[in-house]
């Protein structure tokens, strides 16, 4: 028999942490057509170090391990030369001189590269959802 002294028993208090945000990603349908943009990604913030792990986790299971990521666009802060994602090193680069939309180029040496259109984090949800839906349906994003 267990006895309790010192007042009523209090239930254990558990802190519930909100889960990390899920990557918002649309991949173009697989076809034999070569395309310039392979998908669209709508990050939650411009913090690539926080967003990259979620992006890489959300990639299709048959994509090989990504070892390099290059972001194009002025909206990204300075980056370290590499980061650790799920126990492996991903080399990082940022460019600002390439014309065209903001993109992230994901590379797996010996396997290929994939370019994703970056929908800016502050984009209104209806617009971002429309762009991602069009990418998933046709393989081409509609203009903003």
C-alpha atoms as a PDB file:
ATOM      1  CA  UNK A   1       0.000   0.000   0.000  1.00  0.00           C
ATOM      2  CA  UNK A   2       1.334   3.410  -0.971  1.00  0.00           C
ATOM      3  CA  UNK A   3       0.514   6.428   1.087  1.00  0.00           C
ATOM      4  CA  UNK A   4       0.890  10.046   0.177  1.00  0.00           C
ATOM      5  CA  UNK A   5       1.542  12.716   2.717  1.00  0.00           C
ATOM      6  CA  UNK A   6       1.710  16.386   2.133  1.00  0.00           C
ATOM      7  CA  UNK A   7      -1.560  17.233   0.451  1.00  0.00           C
ATOM      8  CA  UNK A   8      -3.359  16.211  -2.672  1.00  0.00           C
ATOM      9  CA  UNK A   9      -1.366  14.655  -5.485  1.00  0.00           C
ATOM     10  CA  UNK A  10      -0.766  16.901  -8.457  1.00  0.00           C
ATOM     11  CA  UNK A  11      -0.713  15.514 -11.957  1.00  0.00           C
ATOM     12  CA  UNK A  12       2.611  15.695 -13.734  1.00  0.00           C
ATOM     13  CA  UNK A  13       2.835  18.808 -15.821  1.00  0.00           C
ATOM     14  CA  UNK A  14       3.865  18.256 -19.393  1.00  0.00           C
ATOM     15  CA  UNK A  15       4.879  21.023 -21.686  1.00  0.00           C
ATOM     16  CA  UNK A  16       3.582  20.623 -25.164  1.00  0.00           C
ATOM     17  CA  UNK A  17       5.907  22.033 -27.747  1.00  0.00           C
ATOM     18  CA  UNK A  18       4.484  22.884 -31.106  1.00  0.00           C
ATOM     19  CA  UNK A  19       5.841  20.694 -33.859  1.00  0.00           C
ATOM     20  CA  UNK A  20       8.285  22.243 -36.301  1.00  0.00           C
ATOM     21  CA  UNK A  21       6.653  23.673 -39.402  1.00  0.00           C
ATOM     22  CA  UNK A  22       6.212  21.258 -42.271  1.00  0.00           C
ATOM     23  CA  UNK A  23       7.911  22.181 -45.539  1.00  0.00           C
ATOM     24  CA  UNK A  24       5.542  23.658 -48.100  1.00  0.00           C
ATOM     25  CA  UNK A  25       6.703  22.052 -51.306  1.00  0.00           C
ATOM     26  CA  UNK A  26       5.248  21.135 -54.701  1.00  0.00           C
ATOM     27  CA  UNK A  27       7.233  18.970 -57.113  1.00  0.00           C
ATOM     28  CA  UNK A  28       6.511  19.046 -60.844  1.00  0.00           C
ATOM     29  CA  UNK A  29       5.024  15.841 -62.266  1.00  0.00           C
ATOM     30  CA  UNK A  30       7.602  13.380 -63.552  1.00  0.00           C
ATOM     31  CA  UNK A  31       7.896  13.471 -67.345  1.00  0.00           C
ATOM     32  CA  UNK A  32      10.646  13.016 -69.903  1.00  0.00           C
ATOM     33  CA  UNK A  33      10.563  16.751 -70.554  1.00  0.00           C
ATOM     34  CA  UNK A  34      13.580  18.670 -69.289  1.00  0.00           C
ATOM     35  CA  UNK A  35      12.469  21.743 -67.386  1.00  0.00           C
ATOM     36  CA  UNK A  36      14.229  24.688 -65.847  1.00  0.00           C
ATOM     37  CA  UNK A  37      12.237  24.583 -62.599  1.00  0.00           C
ATOM     38  CA  UNK A  38      11.558  21.227 -60.911  1.00  0.00           C
ATOM     39  CA  UNK A  39       9.234  22.439 -58.187  1.00  0.00           C
ATOM     40  CA  UNK A  40       8.174  25.266 -55.911  1.00  0.00           C
ATOM     41  CA  UNK A  41       9.087  25.795 -52.269  1.00  0.00           C
ATOM     42  CA  UNK A  42       7.380  28.238 -49.919  1.00  0.00           C
ATOM     43  CA  UNK A  43       9.629  28.533 -46.835  1.00  0.00           C
ATOM     44  CA  UNK A  44       8.267  29.872 -43.557  1.00  0.00           C
ATOM     45  CA  UNK A  45      11.180  32.315 -43.184  1.00  0.00           C
ATOM     46  CA  UNK A  46      14.329  33.569 -44.907  1.00  0.00           C
ATOM     47  CA  UNK A  47      16.472  31.614 -42.430  1.00  0.00           C
ATOM     48  CA  UNK A  48      17.917  28.911 -44.666  1.00  0.00           C
ATOM     49  CA  UNK A  49      19.623  27.133 -41.762  1.00  0.00           C
ATOM     50  CA  UNK A  50      16.220  26.668 -40.097  1.00  0.00           C
ATOM     51  CA  UNK A  51      14.305  25.893 -43.302  1.00  0.00           C
ATOM     52  CA  UNK A  52      16.715  23.568 -45.132  1.00  0.00           C
ATOM     53  CA  UNK A  53      16.271  20.515 -42.880  1.00  0.00           C
ATOM     54  CA  UNK A  54      12.490  20.605 -43.374  1.00  0.00           C
ATOM     55  CA  UNK A  55      12.913  21.016 -47.131  1.00  0.00           C
ATOM     56  CA  UNK A  56      15.328  18.097 -47.453  1.00  0.00           C
ATOM     57  CA  UNK A  57      13.078  15.894 -45.317  1.00  0.00           C
ATOM     58  CA  UNK A  58      10.097  16.704 -47.549  1.00  0.00           C
ATOM     59  CA  UNK A  59      11.819  15.769 -50.821  1.00  0.00           C
ATOM     60  CA  UNK A  60      10.539  12.681 -52.639  1.00  0.00           C
ATOM     61  CA  UNK A  61      11.914   9.468 -51.124  1.00  0.00           C
ATOM     62  CA  UNK A  62      13.584   8.448 -54.377  1.00  0.00           C
ATOM     63  CA  UNK A  63      15.719  11.602 -54.591  1.00  0.00           C
ATOM     64  CA  UNK A  64      19.356  10.969 -53.610  1.00  0.00           C
ATOM     65  CA  UNK A  65      21.051  12.654 -50.666  1.00  0.00           C
ATOM     66  CA  UNK A  66      21.517  16.366 -51.301  1.00  0.00           C
ATOM     67  CA  UNK A  67      25.044  17.567 -50.570  1.00  0.00           C
ATOM     68  CA  UNK A  68      24.960  21.140 -51.956  1.00  0.00           C
ATOM     69  CA  UNK A  69      22.360  23.915 -51.849  1.00  0.00           C
ATOM     70  CA  UNK A  70      22.693  27.243 -53.624  1.00  0.00           C
ATOM     71  CA  UNK A  71      20.094  29.947 -53.085  1.00  0.00           C
ATOM     72  CA  UNK A  72      19.657  32.716 -55.620  1.00  0.00           C
ATOM     73  CA  UNK A  73      18.258  36.007 -54.475  1.00  0.00           C
ATOM     74  CA  UNK A  74      18.929  38.965 -52.250  1.00  0.00           C
ATOM     75  CA  UNK A  75      16.358  37.918 -49.641  1.00  0.00           C
ATOM     76  CA  UNK A  76      18.704  35.455 -47.952  1.00  0.00           C
ATOM     77  CA  UNK A  77      21.124  36.560 -45.244  1.00  0.00           C
ATOM     78  CA  UNK A  78      24.772  35.622 -45.326  1.00  0.00           C
ATOM     79  CA  UNK A  79      25.330  31.911 -44.912  1.00  0.00           C
ATOM     80  CA  UNK A  80      28.056  29.723 -43.486  1.00  0.00           C
ATOM     81  CA  UNK A  81      29.832  27.543 -46.038  1.00  0.00           C
ATOM     82  CA  UNK A  82      28.136  24.393 -44.784  1.00  0.00           C
ATOM     83  CA  UNK A  83      25.621  23.013 -42.295  1.00  0.00           C
ATOM     84  CA  UNK A  84      24.808  19.636 -40.805  1.00  0.00           C
ATOM     85  CA  UNK A  85      21.419  18.183 -41.808  1.00  0.00           C
ATOM     86  CA  UNK A  86      20.357  14.762 -40.492  1.00  0.00           C
ATOM     87  CA  UNK A  87      23.954  13.811 -39.783  1.00  0.00           C
ATOM     88  CA  UNK A  88      25.442  14.769 -43.133  1.00  0.00           C
ATOM     89  CA  UNK A  89      27.137  17.920 -44.383  1.00  0.00           C
ATOM     90  CA  UNK A  90      25.348  20.133 -46.885  1.00  0.00           C
ATOM     91  CA  UNK A  91      27.507  22.778 -48.524  1.00  0.00           C
ATOM     92  CA  UNK A  92      25.799  26.163 -48.853  1.00  0.00           C
ATOM     93  CA  UNK A  93      26.176  28.995 -51.310  1.00  0.00           C
ATOM     94  CA  UNK A  94      24.283  32.188 -52.009  1.00  0.00           C
ATOM     95  CA  UNK A  95      24.260  34.063 -55.300  1.00  0.00           C
ATOM     96  CA  UNK A  96      22.701  37.412 -56.054  1.00  0.00           C
ATOM     97  CA  UNK A  97      23.824  38.071 -59.607  1.00  0.00           C
ATOM     98  CA  UNK A  98      21.766  35.496 -61.498  1.00  0.00           C
ATOM     99  CA  UNK A  99      18.798  36.997 -63.307  1.00  0.00           C
ATOM    100  CA  UNK A 100      15.405  35.414 -62.903  1.00  0.00           C
ATOM    101  CA  UNK A 101      13.274  34.361 -59.970  1.00  0.00           C
ATOM    102  CA  UNK A 102      14.602  33.390 -56.570  1.00  0.00           C
ATOM    103  CA  UNK A 103      15.528  29.718 -56.626  1.00  0.00           C
ATOM    104  CA  UNK A 104      17.283  27.058 -54.616  1.00  0.00           C
ATOM    105  CA  UNK A 105      19.482  24.634 -56.525  1.00  0.00           C
ATOM    106  CA  UNK A 106      19.853  21.246 -54.827  1.00  0.00           C
ATOM    107  CA  UNK A 107      22.736  19.059 -55.983  1.00  0.00           C
ATOM    108  CA  UNK A 108      23.611  15.422 -55.460  1.00  0.00           C
ATOM    109  CA  UNK A 109      26.960  14.694 -57.162  1.00  0.00           C
ATOM    110  CA  UNK A 110      26.693  11.896 -59.679  1.00  0.00           C
ATOM    111  CA  UNK A 111      22.892  11.984 -59.533  1.00  0.00           C
ATOM    112  CA  UNK A 112      21.790  15.414 -60.694  1.00  0.00           C
ATOM    113  CA  UNK A 113      20.473  18.768 -59.698  1.00  0.00           C
ATOM    114  CA  UNK A 114      17.029  20.108 -59.008  1.00  0.00           C
ATOM    115  CA  UNK A 115      15.985  23.749 -59.135  1.00  0.00           C
ATOM    116  CA  UNK A 116      13.074  24.888 -57.021  1.00  0.00           C
ATOM    117  CA  UNK A 117      11.308  28.220 -57.381  1.00  0.00           C
ATOM    118  CA  UNK A 118      11.245  29.977 -54.020  1.00  0.00           C
ATOM    119  CA  UNK A 119       7.942  31.591 -53.176  1.00  0.00           C
ATOM    120  CA  UNK A 120       8.886  34.401 -50.763  1.00  0.00           C
ATOM    121  CA  UNK A 121       7.926  33.632 -47.144  1.00  0.00           C
ATOM    122  CA  UNK A 122       5.674  36.715 -46.909  1.00  0.00           C
ATOM    123  CA  UNK A 123       3.573  35.769 -49.932  1.00  0.00           C
ATOM    124  CA  UNK A 124      -0.156  35.727 -49.120  1.00  0.00           C
ATOM    125  CA  UNK A 125      -1.379  32.163 -48.664  1.00  0.00           C
ATOM    126  CA  UNK A 126      -3.945  32.129 -51.523  1.00  0.00           C
ATOM    127  CA  UNK A 127      -1.289  33.248 -54.013  1.00  0.00           C
ATOM    128  CA  UNK A 128       1.351  30.798 -52.765  1.00  0.00           C
ATOM    129  CA  UNK A 129      -1.109  27.896 -52.751  1.00  0.00           C
ATOM    130  CA  UNK A 130      -2.168  28.762 -56.311  1.00  0.00           C
ATOM    131  CA  UNK A 131       1.445  28.796 -57.532  1.00  0.00           C
ATOM    132  CA  UNK A 132       2.236  25.499 -55.818  1.00  0.00           C
ATOM    133  CA  UNK A 133      -0.946  23.838 -57.115  1.00  0.00           C
ATOM    134  CA  UNK A 134      -0.133  24.893 -60.668  1.00  0.00           C
ATOM    135  CA  UNK A 135       3.418  23.558 -60.301  1.00  0.00           C
ATOM    136  CA  UNK A 136       2.135  20.205 -59.039  1.00  0.00           C
ATOM    137  CA  UNK A 137      -0.472  20.024 -61.828  1.00  0.00           C
ATOM    138  CA  UNK A 138       1.439  21.246 -64.872  1.00  0.00           C
ATOM    139  CA  UNK A 139       5.083  21.443 -63.918  1.00  0.00           C
ATOM    140  CA  UNK A 140       5.175  25.196 -64.492  1.00  0.00           C
ATOM    141  CA  UNK A 141       4.441  27.913 -61.965  1.00  0.00           C
ATOM    142  CA  UNK A 142       2.012  30.610 -62.983  1.00  0.00           C
ATOM    143  CA  UNK A 143       3.216  34.208 -62.758  1.00  0.00           C
ATOM    144  CA  UNK A 144       2.613  35.921 -59.435  1.00  0.00           C
END
